[in-house]
Amino acid sequence: MPMSDEERRQLLEIERHLRQEPGLAKLSRQLGAANVYTALRRLSVLTIAGGALGLILLVVGAVLHNALFIAGVGVLAGTQVLVGVTAIVVEVRAYRREQRG
C-alpha cells in the first residue's frame, strides 16, 4: 500500500530530526558498520588475551611456588642448624662448668 503525501512528509521529518541528534547519528553509524564478524573478532581477541594472561599467571605461580618452597626449605634447614649448634654450645659449656666444680 503506497504512503500518502502526508505520511511521507512526516517520515522525512522524523528522519531529519533523528539525523540532527548527535548521539543517535553516532549510534546509527556504529550499528550500520557492525556485523557478525565484528563481534566475533572482538570475542576472539578477548578470548586469546584472557587465555594468554591465564597461562602467564599459571607459569608465574608455578615458578614462585617452587622458589618459595626452596626458600622455605632453606630457612627451615638454616633454623635447624642454628638450633643444633646452639644446643651443642650450651651442652658443652654446661659440661665444662661441671668439670671445673
PDB file of N, CA and C in Angstrom:
ATOM      1  N   MET A   1       0.850  -1.172   0.000  1.00  0.00           N
ATOM      2  CA  MET A   1       0.000   0.000   0.000  1.00  0.00           C
ATOM      3  C   MET A   1       0.893   1.232   0.000  1.00  0.00           C
ATOM      4  N   PRO A   2       0.762   2.100  -0.946  1.00  0.00           N
ATOM      5  CA  PRO A   2       1.616   3.285  -1.027  1.00  0.00           C
ATOM      6  C   PRO A   2       1.274   4.285   0.074  1.00  0.00           C
ATOM      7  N   MET A   3       2.300   5.061   0.461  1.00  0.00           N
ATOM      8  CA  MET A   3       2.095   6.076   1.509  1.00  0.00           C
ATOM      9  C   MET A   3       1.506   7.335   0.883  1.00  0.00           C
ATOM     10  N   SER A   4       0.726   8.009   1.691  1.00  0.00           N
ATOM     11  CA  SER A   4       0.173   9.276   1.231  1.00  0.00           C
ATOM     12  C   SER A   4       1.238  10.355   1.347  1.00  0.00           C
ATOM     13  N   ASP A   5       0.993  11.486   0.765  1.00  0.00           N
ATOM     14  CA  ASP A   5       1.954  12.594   0.831  1.00  0.00           C
ATOM     15  C   ASP A   5       2.162  13.062   2.269  1.00  0.00           C
ATOM     16  N   GLU A   6       1.121  13.048   3.051  1.00  0.00           N
ATOM     17  CA  GLU A   6       1.234  13.478   4.465  1.00  0.00           C
ATOM     18  C   GLU A   6       2.108  12.500   5.256  1.00  0.00           C
ATOM     19  N   GLU A   7       1.909  11.215   5.042  1.00  0.00           N
ATOM     20  CA  GLU A   7       2.722  10.214   5.736  1.00  0.00           C
ATOM     21  C   GLU A   7       4.184  10.294   5.300  1.00  0.00           C
ATOM     22  N   ARG A   8       4.422  10.484   4.002  1.00  0.00           N
ATOM     23  CA  ARG A   8       5.788  10.608   3.503  1.00  0.00           C
ATOM     24  C   ARG A   8       6.457  11.845   4.096  1.00  0.00           C
ATOM     25  N   ARG A   9       5.738  12.941   4.198  1.00  0.00           N
ATOM     26  CA  ARG A   9       6.278  14.167   4.773  1.00  0.00           C
ATOM     27  C   ARG A   9       6.624  13.959   6.253  1.00  0.00           C
ATOM     28  N   GLN A  10       5.759  13.284   6.991  1.00  0.00           N
ATOM     29  CA  GLN A  10       6.025  13.008   8.411  1.00  0.00           C
ATOM     30  C   GLN A  10       7.242  12.096   8.570  1.00  0.00           C
ATOM     31  N   LEU A  11       7.362  11.087   7.725  1.00  0.00           N
ATOM     32  CA  LEU A  11       8.507  10.191   7.785  1.00  0.00           C
ATOM     33  C   LEU A  11       9.812  10.941   7.503  1.00  0.00           C
ATOM     34  N   LEU A  12       9.815  11.798   6.506  1.00  0.00           N
ATOM     35  CA  LEU A  12      11.015  12.583   6.192  1.00  0.00           C
ATOM     36  C   LEU A  12      11.367  13.528   7.332  1.00  0.00           C
ATOM     37  N   GLU A  13      10.348  14.084   7.973  1.00  0.00           N
ATOM     38  CA  GLU A  13      10.585  14.988   9.107  1.00  0.00           C
ATOM     39  C   GLU A  13      11.187  14.226  10.292  1.00  0.00           C
ATOM     40  N   ILE A  14      10.689  13.042  10.542  1.00  0.00           N
ATOM     41  CA  ILE A  14      11.235  12.220  11.633  1.00  0.00           C
ATOM     42  C   ILE A  14      12.679  11.838  11.327  1.00  0.00           C
ATOM     43  N   GLU A  15      12.956  11.416  10.094  1.00  0.00           N
ATOM     44  CA  GLU A  15      14.328  11.063   9.722  1.00  0.00           C
ATOM     45  C   GLU A  15      15.268  12.261   9.853  1.00  0.00           C
ATOM     46  N   ARG A  16      14.837  13.428   9.417  1.00  0.00           N
ATOM     47  CA  ARG A  16      15.643  14.641   9.534  1.00  0.00           C
ATOM     48  C   ARG A  16      15.923  14.964  11.002  1.00  0.00           C
ATOM     49  N   HIS A  17      14.922  14.823  11.828  1.00  0.00           N
ATOM     50  CA  HIS A  17      15.091  15.089  13.262  1.00  0.00           C
ATOM     51  C   HIS A  17      16.085  14.096  13.886  1.00  0.00           C
ATOM     52  N   LEU A  18      15.984  12.831  13.513  1.00  0.00           N
ATOM     53  CA  LEU A  18      16.894  11.820  14.057  1.00  0.00           C
ATOM     54  C   LEU A  18      18.337  12.054  13.604  1.00  0.00           C
ATOM     55  N   ARG A  19      18.524  12.524  12.363  1.00  0.00           N
ATOM     56  CA  ARG A  19      19.887  12.801  11.884  1.00  0.00           C
ATOM     57  C   ARG A  19      20.525  13.970  12.625  1.00  0.00           C
ATOM     58  N   GLN A  20      19.728  14.879  13.132  1.00  0.00           N
ATOM     59  CA  GLN A  20      20.259  16.061  13.821  1.00  0.00           C
ATOM     60  C   GLN A  20      20.733  15.735  15.234  1.00  0.00           C
ATOM     61  N   GLU A  21      20.256  14.649  15.806  1.00  0.00           N
ATOM     62  CA  GLU A  21      20.688  14.253  17.144  1.00  0.00           C
ATOM     63  C   GLU A  21      22.088  13.656  17.048  1.00  0.00           C
ATOM     64  N   PRO A  22      23.102  14.236  17.740  1.00  0.00           N
ATOM     65  CA  PRO A  22      24.475  13.733  17.593  1.00  0.00           C
ATOM     66  C   PRO A  22      24.659  12.320  18.131  1.00  0.00           C
ATOM     67  N   GLY A  23      24.061  12.009  19.249  1.00  0.00           N
ATOM     68  CA  GLY A  23      24.206  10.678  19.828  1.00  0.00           C
ATOM     69  C   GLY A  23      23.556   9.611  18.965  1.00  0.00           C
ATOM     70  N   LEU A  24      22.394   9.932  18.412  1.00  0.00           N
ATOM     71  CA  LEU A  24      21.701   8.964  17.567  1.00  0.00           C
ATOM     72  C   LEU A  24      22.417   8.762  16.237  1.00  0.00           C
ATOM     73  N   ALA A  25      23.029   9.830  15.706  1.00  0.00           N
ATOM     74  CA  ALA A  25      23.769   9.700  14.457  1.00  0.00           C
ATOM     75  C   ALA A  25      24.988   8.796  14.653  1.00  0.00           C
ATOM     76  N   LYS A  26      25.674   8.980  15.762  1.00  0.00           N
ATOM     77  CA  LYS A  26      26.845   8.140  16.057  1.00  0.00           C
ATOM     78  C   LYS A  26      26.408   6.686  16.243  1.00  0.00           C
ATOM     79  N   LEU A  27      25.329   6.482  16.983  1.00  0.00           N
ATOM     80  CA  LEU A  27      24.820   5.132  17.200  1.00  0.00           C
ATOM     81  C   LEU A  27      24.398   4.503  15.881  1.00  0.00           C
ATOM     82  N   SER A  28      23.780   5.283  15.013  1.00  0.00           N
ATOM     83  CA  SER A  28      23.352   4.785  13.714  1.00  0.00           C
ATOM     84  C   SER A  28      24.545   4.351  12.868  1.00  0.00           C
ATOM     85  N   ARG A  29      25.628   5.135  12.889  1.00  0.00           N
ATOM     86  CA  ARG A  29      26.834   4.753  12.143  1.00  0.00           C
ATOM     87  C   ARG A  29      27.447   3.482  12.717  1.00  0.00           C
ATOM     88  N   GLN A  30      27.488   3.385  14.040  1.00  0.00           N
ATOM     89  CA  GLN A  30      28.053   2.193  14.665  1.00  0.00           C
ATOM     90  C   GLN A  30      27.225   0.953  14.339  1.00  0.00           C
ATOM     91  N   LEU A  31      25.919   1.080  14.415  1.00  0.00           N
ATOM     92  CA  LEU A  31      25.053  -0.054  14.112  1.00  0.00           C
ATOM     93  C   LEU A  31      25.122  -0.428  12.639  1.00  0.00           C
ATOM     94  N   GLY A  32      25.286   0.572  11.780  1.00  0.00           N
ATOM     95  CA  GLY A  32      25.396   0.293  10.356  1.00  0.00           C
ATOM     96  C   GLY A  32      26.698  -0.407  10.016  1.00  0.00           C
ATOM     97  N   ALA A  33      27.772  -0.105  10.761  1.00  0.00           N
ATOM     98  CA  ALA A  33      29.077  -0.703  10.492  1.00  0.00           C
ATOM     99  C   ALA A  33      29.235  -2.059  11.169  1.00  0.00           C
ATOM    100  N   ALA A  34      28.437  -2.347  12.171  1.00  0.00           N
ATOM    101  CA  ALA A  34      28.579  -3.599  12.919  1.00  0.00           C
ATOM    102  C   ALA A  34      28.012  -4.765  12.113  1.00  0.00           C
ATOM    103  N   ASN A  35      28.664  -5.904  12.288  1.00  0.00           N
ATOM    104  CA  ASN A  35      28.168  -7.130  11.694  1.00  0.00           C
ATOM    105  C   ASN A  35      28.585  -8.294  12.584  1.00  0.00           C
ATOM    106  N   VAL A  36      28.301  -9.491  12.153  1.00  0.00           N
ATOM    107  CA  VAL A  36      28.607 -10.676  12.955  1.00  0.00           C
ATOM    108  C   VAL A  36      30.115 -10.820  13.121  1.00  0.00           C
ATOM    109  N   TYR A  37      30.862 -10.490  12.079  1.00  0.00           N
ATOM    110  CA  TYR A  37      32.311 -10.677  12.127  1.00  0.00           C
ATOM    111  C   TYR A  37      32.978  -9.706  13.095  1.00  0.00           C
ATOM    112  N   THR A  38      32.424  -8.509  13.270  1.00  0.00           N
ATOM    113  CA  THR A  38      32.975  -7.552  14.233  1.00  0.00           C
ATOM    114  C   THR A  38      32.878  -8.121  15.640  1.00  0.00           C
ATOM    115  N   ALA A  39      31.721  -8.644  15.993  1.00  0.00           N
ATOM    116  CA  ALA A  39      31.544  -9.223  17.328  1.00  0.00           C
ATOM    117  C   ALA A  39      32.397 -10.472  17.483  1.00  0.00           C
ATOM    118  N   LEU A  40      32.494 -11.287  16.448  1.00  0.00           N
ATOM    119  CA  LEU A  40      33.303 -12.499  16.506  1.00  0.00           C
ATOM    120  C   LEU A  40      34.782 -12.163  16.655  1.00  0.00           C
ATOM    121  N   ARG A  41      35.236 -11.139  15.954  1.00  0.00           N
ATOM    122  CA  ARG A  41      36.635 -10.720  16.057  1.00  0.00           C
ATOM    123  C   ARG A  41      36.924 -10.207  17.468  1.00  0.00           C
ATOM    124  N   ARG A  42      36.035  -9.393  18.001  1.00  0.00           N
ATOM    125  CA  ARG A  42      36.229  -8.862  19.355  1.00  0.00           C
ATOM    126  C   ARG A  42      36.238  -9.988  20.380  1.00  0.00           C
ATOM    127  N   LEU A  43      35.327 -10.928  20.235  1.00  0.00           N
ATOM    128  CA  LEU A  43      35.272 -12.060  21.158  1.00  0.00           C
ATOM    129  C   LEU A  43      36.529 -12.918  21.047  1.00  0.00           C
ATOM    130  N   SER A  44      37.022 -13.115  19.829  1.00  0.00           N
ATOM    131  CA  SER A  44      38.246 -13.893  19.633  1.00  0.00           C
ATOM    132  C   SER A  44      39.442 -13.219  20.282  1.00  0.00           C
ATOM    133  N   VAL A  45      39.548 -11.913  20.099  1.00  0.00           N
ATOM    134  CA  VAL A  45      40.672 -11.172  20.691  1.00  0.00           C
ATOM    135  C   VAL A  45      40.618 -11.249  22.211  1.00  0.00           C
ATOM    136  N   LEU A  46      39.442 -11.068  22.778  1.00  0.00           N
ATOM    137  CA  LEU A  46      39.312 -11.138  24.237  1.00  0.00           C
ATOM    138  C   LEU A  46      39.602 -12.545  24.757  1.00  0.00           C
ATOM    139  N   THR A  47      39.183 -13.565  24.023  1.00  0.00           N
ATOM    140  CA  THR A  47      39.442 -14.937  24.438  1.00  0.00           C
ATOM    141  C   THR A  47      40.934 -15.247  24.398  1.00  0.00           C
ATOM    142  N   ILE A  48      41.604 -14.842  23.338  1.00  0.00           N
ATOM    143  CA  ILE A  48      43.041 -15.076  23.216  1.00  0.00           C
ATOM    144  C   ILE A  48      43.801 -14.320  24.297  1.00  0.00           C
ATOM    145  N   ALA A  49      43.417 -13.060  24.530  1.00  0.00           N
ATOM    146  CA  ALA A  49      44.095 -12.265  25.563  1.00  0.00           C
ATOM    147  C   ALA A  49      43.881 -12.879  26.954  1.00  0.00           C
ATOM    148  N   GLY A  50      42.666 -13.315  27.255  1.00  0.00           N
ATOM    149  CA  GLY A  50      42.395 -13.932  28.549  1.00  0.00           C
ATOM    150  C   GLY A  50      43.131 -15.250  28.719  1.00  0.00           C
ATOM    151  N   GLY A  51      43.194 -16.056  27.661  1.00  0.00           N
ATOM    152  CA  GLY A  51      43.927 -17.318  27.728  1.00  0.00           C
ATOM    153  C   GLY A  51      45.416 -17.106  27.927  1.00  0.00           C
ATOM    154  N   ALA A  52      45.980 -16.123  27.207  1.00  0.00           N
ATOM    155  CA  ALA A  52      47.409 -15.827  27.357  1.00  0.00           C
ATOM    156  C   ALA A  52      47.713 -15.329  28.762  1.00  0.00           C
ATOM    157  N   LEU A  53      46.862 -14.451  29.285  1.00  0.00           N
ATOM    158  CA  LEU A  53      47.061 -13.957  30.647  1.00  0.00           C
ATOM    159  C   LEU A  53      46.965 -15.099  31.661  1.00  0.00           C
ATOM    160  N   GLY A  54      46.027 -16.005  31.458  1.00  0.00           N
ATOM    161  CA  GLY A  54      45.887 -17.150  32.361  1.00  0.00           C
ATOM    162  C   GLY A  54      47.121 -18.047  32.337  1.00  0.00           C
ATOM    163  N   LEU A  55      47.658 -18.310  31.147  1.00  0.00           N
ATOM    164  CA  LEU A  55      48.866 -19.130  31.046  1.00  0.00           C
ATOM    165  C   LEU A  55      50.065 -18.452  31.703  1.00  0.00           C
ATOM    166  N   ILE A  56      50.184 -17.145  31.493  1.00  0.00           N
ATOM    167  CA  ILE A  56      51.291 -16.402  32.114  1.00  0.00           C
ATOM    168  C   ILE A  56      51.181 -16.481  33.630  1.00  0.00           C
ATOM    169  N   LEU A  57      49.987 -16.263  34.160  1.00  0.00           N
ATOM    170  CA  LEU A  57      49.803 -16.332  35.610  1.00  0.00           C
ATOM    171  C   LEU A  57      50.056 -17.736  36.142  1.00  0.00           C
ATOM    172  N   LEU A  58      49.697 -18.753  35.370  1.00  0.00           N
ATOM    173  CA  LEU A  58      49.952 -20.128  35.780  1.00  0.00           C
ATOM    174  C   LEU A  58      51.451 -20.403  35.879  1.00  0.00           C
ATOM    175  N   VAL A  59      52.209 -19.982  34.881  1.00  0.00           N
ATOM    176  CA  VAL A  59      53.656 -20.199  34.893  1.00  0.00           C
ATOM    177  C   VAL A  59      54.310 -19.412  36.026  1.00  0.00           C
ATOM    178  N   VAL A  60      53.901 -18.144  36.189  1.00  0.00           N
ATOM    179  CA  VAL A  60      54.469 -17.325  37.270  1.00  0.00           C
ATOM    180  C   VAL A  60      54.146 -17.942  38.624  1.00  0.00           C
ATOM    181  N   GLY A  61      52.944 -18.423  38.795  1.00  0.00           N
ATOM    182  CA  GLY A  61      52.571 -19.057  40.057  1.00  0.00           C
ATOM    183  C   GLY A  61      53.380 -20.317  40.326  1.00  0.00           C
ATOM    184  N   ALA A  62      53.599 -21.107  39.283  1.00  0.00           N
ATOM    185  CA  ALA A  62      54.399 -22.328  39.464  1.00  0.00           C
ATOM    186  C   ALA A  62      55.838 -21.996  39.815  1.00  0.00           C
ATOM    187  N   VAL A  63      56.409 -21.006  39.141  1.00  0.00           N
ATOM    188  CA  VAL A  63      57.794 -20.616  39.429  1.00  0.00           C
ATOM    189  C   VAL A  63      57.908 -20.058  40.843  1.00  0.00           C
ATOM    190  N   LEU A  64      56.985 -19.183  41.217  1.00  0.00           N
ATOM    191  CA  LEU A  64      57.034 -18.609  42.570  1.00  0.00           C
ATOM    192  C   LEU A  64      56.810 -19.681  43.625  1.00  0.00           C
ATOM    193  N   HIS A  65      55.919 -20.624  43.329  1.00  0.00           N
ATOM    194  CA  HIS A  65      55.665 -21.693  44.291  1.00  0.00           C
ATOM    195  C   HIS A  65      56.942 -22.497  44.524  1.00  0.00           C
ATOM    196  N   ASN A  66      57.618 -22.866  43.449  1.00  0.00           N
ATOM    197  CA  ASN A  66      58.865 -23.622  43.588  1.00  0.00           C
ATOM    198  C   ASN A  66      59.932 -22.793  44.282  1.00  0.00           C
ATOM    199  N   ALA A  67      60.027 -21.514  43.917  1.00  0.00           N
ATOM    200  CA  ALA A  67      61.034 -20.650  44.543  1.00  0.00           C
ATOM    201  C   ALA A  67      60.729 -20.472  46.026  1.00  0.00           C
ATOM    202  N   LEU A  68      59.460 -20.268  46.354  1.00  0.00           N
ATOM    203  CA  LEU A  68      59.094 -20.106  47.765  1.00  0.00           C
ATOM    204  C   LEU A  68      59.288 -21.412  48.528  1.00  0.00           C
ATOM    205  N   PHE A  69      59.029 -22.538  47.875  1.00  0.00           N
ATOM    206  CA  PHE A  69      59.237 -23.831  48.518  1.00  0.00           C
ATOM    207  C   PHE A  69      60.719 -24.033  48.834  1.00  0.00           C
ATOM    208  N   ILE A  70      61.567 -23.734  47.860  1.00  0.00           N
ATOM    209  CA  ILE A  70      63.011 -23.873  48.072  1.00  0.00           C
ATOM    210  C   ILE A  70      63.487 -22.907  49.151  1.00  0.00           C
ATOM    211  N   ALA A  71      62.978 -21.677  49.127  1.00  0.00           N
ATOM    212  CA  ALA A  71      63.353 -20.704  50.158  1.00  0.00           C
ATOM    213  C   ALA A  71      62.880 -21.176  51.531  1.00  0.00           C
ATOM    214  N   GLY A  72      61.682 -21.736  51.587  1.00  0.00           N
ATOM    215  CA  GLY A  72      61.161 -22.244  52.870  1.00  0.00           C
ATOM    216  C   GLY A  72      61.999 -23.389  53.401  1.00  0.00           C
ATOM    217  N   VAL A  73      62.396 -24.300  52.516  1.00  0.00           N
ATOM    218  CA  VAL A  73      63.250 -25.408  52.943  1.00  0.00           C
ATOM    219  C   VAL A  73      64.586 -24.880  53.435  1.00  0.00           C
ATOM    220  N   GLY A  74      65.122 -23.881  52.743  1.00  0.00           N
ATOM    221  CA  GLY A  74      66.387 -23.276  53.166  1.00  0.00           C
ATOM    222  C   GLY A  74      66.283 -22.620  54.532  1.00  0.00           C
ATOM    223  N   VAL A  75      65.206 -21.898  54.760  1.00  0.00           N
ATOM    224  CA  VAL A  75      65.010 -21.242  56.058  1.00  0.00           C
ATOM    225  C   VAL A  75      64.865 -22.287  57.162  1.00  0.00           C
ATOM    226  N   LEU A  76      64.076 -23.331  56.908  1.00  0.00           N
ATOM    227  CA  LEU A  76      63.924 -24.380  57.918  1.00  0.00           C
ATOM    228  C   LEU A  76      65.245 -25.091  58.207  1.00  0.00           C
ATOM    229  N   ALA A  77      65.997 -25.399  57.150  1.00  0.00           N
ATOM    230  CA  ALA A  77      67.292 -26.068  57.357  1.00  0.00           C
ATOM    231  C   ALA A  77      68.243 -25.161  58.130  1.00  0.00           C
ATOM    232  N   GLY A  78      68.269 -23.875  57.772  1.00  0.00           N
ATOM    233  CA  GLY A  78      69.117 -22.927  58.485  1.00  0.00           C
ATOM    234  C   GLY A  78      68.734 -22.806  59.943  1.00  0.00           C
ATOM    235  N   THR A  79      67.461 -22.785  60.219  1.00  0.00           N
ATOM    236  CA  THR A  79      66.988 -22.694  61.603  1.00  0.00           C
ATOM    237  C   THR A  79      67.378 -23.946  62.391  1.00  0.00           C
ATOM    238  N   GLN A  80      67.228 -25.095  61.780  1.00  0.00           N
ATOM    239  CA  GLN A  80      67.611 -26.330  62.477  1.00  0.00           C
ATOM    240  C   GLN A  80      69.105 -26.376  62.756  1.00  0.00           C
ATOM    241  N   VAL A  81      69.904 -25.918  61.817  1.00  0.00           N
ATOM    242  CA  VAL A  81      71.354 -25.881  62.035  1.00  0.00           C
ATOM    243  C   VAL A  81      71.686 -24.944  63.182  1.00  0.00           C
ATOM    244  N   LEU A  82      71.086 -23.743  63.191  1.00  0.00           N
ATOM    245  CA  LEU A  82      71.354 -22.789  64.265  1.00  0.00           C
ATOM    246  C   LEU A  82      70.914 -23.331  65.625  1.00  0.00           C
ATOM    247  N   VAL A  83      69.756 -23.961  65.680  1.00  0.00           N
ATOM    248  CA  VAL A  83      69.277 -24.529  66.944  1.00  0.00           C
ATOM    249  C   VAL A  83      70.193 -25.670  67.383  1.00  0.00           C
ATOM    250  N   GLY A  84      70.615 -26.492  66.439  1.00  0.00           N
ATOM    251  CA  GLY A  84      71.515 -27.602  66.777  1.00  0.00           C
ATOM    252  C   GLY A  84      72.847 -27.110  67.296  1.00  0.00           C
ATOM    253  N   VAL A  85      73.448 -26.122  66.632  1.00  0.00           N
ATOM    254  CA  VAL A  85      74.736 -25.570  67.081  1.00  0.00           C
ATOM    255  C   VAL A  85      74.587 -24.927  68.457  1.00  0.00           C
ATOM    256  N   THR A  86      73.489 -24.186  68.653  1.00  0.00           N
ATOM    257  CA  THR A  86      73.258 -23.544  69.953  1.00  0.00           C
ATOM    258  C   THR A  86      73.112 -24.600  71.053  1.00  0.00           C
ATOM    259  N   ALA A  87      72.381 -25.675  70.763  1.00  0.00           N
ATOM    260  CA  ALA A  87      72.208 -26.733  71.758  1.00  0.00           C
ATOM    261  C   ALA A  87      73.558 -27.379  72.100  1.00  0.00           C
ATOM    262  N   ILE A  88      74.387 -27.610  71.116  1.00  0.00           N
ATOM    263  CA  ILE A  88      75.712 -28.193  71.355  1.00  0.00           C
ATOM    264  C   ILE A  88      76.566 -27.264  72.208  1.00  0.00           C
ATOM    265  N   VAL A  89      76.566 -25.967  71.881  1.00  0.00           N
ATOM    266  CA  VAL A  89      77.369 -24.994  72.652  1.00  0.00           C
ATOM    267  C   VAL A  89      76.899 -24.940  74.102  1.00  0.00           C
ATOM    268  N   VAL A  90      75.603 -24.924  74.313  1.00  0.00           N
ATOM    269  CA  VAL A  90      75.057 -24.868  75.669  1.00  0.00           C
ATOM    270  C   VAL A  90      75.446 -26.127  76.442  1.00  0.00           C
ATOM    271  N   GLU A  91      75.344 -27.283  75.823  1.00  0.00           N
ATOM    272  CA  GLU A  91      75.705 -28.535  76.494  1.00  0.00           C
ATOM    273  C   GLU A  91      77.206 -28.600  76.796  1.00  0.00           C
ATOM    274  N   VAL A  92      78.017 -28.135  75.881  1.00  0.00           N
ATOM    275  CA  VAL A  92      79.471 -28.154  76.110  1.00  0.00           C
ATOM    276  C   VAL A  92      79.833 -27.228  77.270  1.00  0.00           C
ATOM    277  N   ARG A  93      79.240 -26.057  77.325  1.00  0.00           N
ATOM    278  CA  ARG A  93      79.523 -25.127  78.428  1.00  0.00           C
ATOM    279  C   ARG A  93      79.060 -25.710  79.771  1.00  0.00           C
ATOM    280  N   ALA A  94      77.869 -26.319  79.736  1.00  0.00           N
ATOM    281  CA  ALA A  94      77.381 -26.927  80.979  1.00  0.00           C
ATOM    282  C   ALA A  94      78.298 -28.054  81.426  1.00  0.00           C
ATOM    283  N   TYR A  95      78.778 -28.845  80.509  1.00  0.00           N
ATOM    284  CA  TYR A  95      79.691 -29.936  80.844  1.00  0.00           C
ATOM    285  C   TYR A  95      81.003 -29.390  81.414  1.00  0.00           C
ATOM    286  N   ARG A  96      81.566 -28.314  80.853  1.00  0.00           N
ATOM    287  CA  ARG A  96      82.810 -27.719  81.338  1.00  0.00           C
ATOM    288  C   ARG A  96      82.622 -27.143  82.738  1.00  0.00           C
ATOM    289  N   ARG A  97      81.467 -26.533  82.984  1.00  0.00           N
ATOM    290  CA  ARG A  97      81.218 -25.982  84.319  1.00  0.00           C
ATOM    291  C   ARG A  97      81.191 -27.111  85.365  1.00  0.00           C
ATOM    292  N   GLU A  98      80.582 -28.205  84.992  1.00  0.00           N
ATOM    293  CA  GLU A  98      80.529 -29.344  85.920  1.00  0.00           C
ATOM    294  C   GLU A  98      81.940 -29.899  86.178  1.00  0.00           C
ATOM    295  N   GLN A  99      82.774 -29.916  85.193  1.00  0.00           N
ATOM    296  CA  GLN A  99      84.128 -30.447  85.340  1.00  0.00           C
ATOM    297  C   GLN A  99      84.987 -29.539  86.219  1.00  0.00           C
ATOM    298  N   ARG A 100      84.768 -28.238  86.154  1.00  0.00           N
ATOM    299  CA  ARG A 100      85.550 -27.288  86.954  1.00  0.00           C
ATOM    300  C   ARG A 100      85.143 -27.383  88.430  1.00  0.00           C
ATOM    301  N   GLY A 101      83.884 -27.559  88.634  1.00  0.00           N
ATOM    302  CA  GLY A 101      83.389 -27.513  90.007  1.00  0.00           C
ATOM    303  C   GLY A 101      83.586 -28.756  90.721  1.00  0.00           C
TER     304      GLY A 101
END
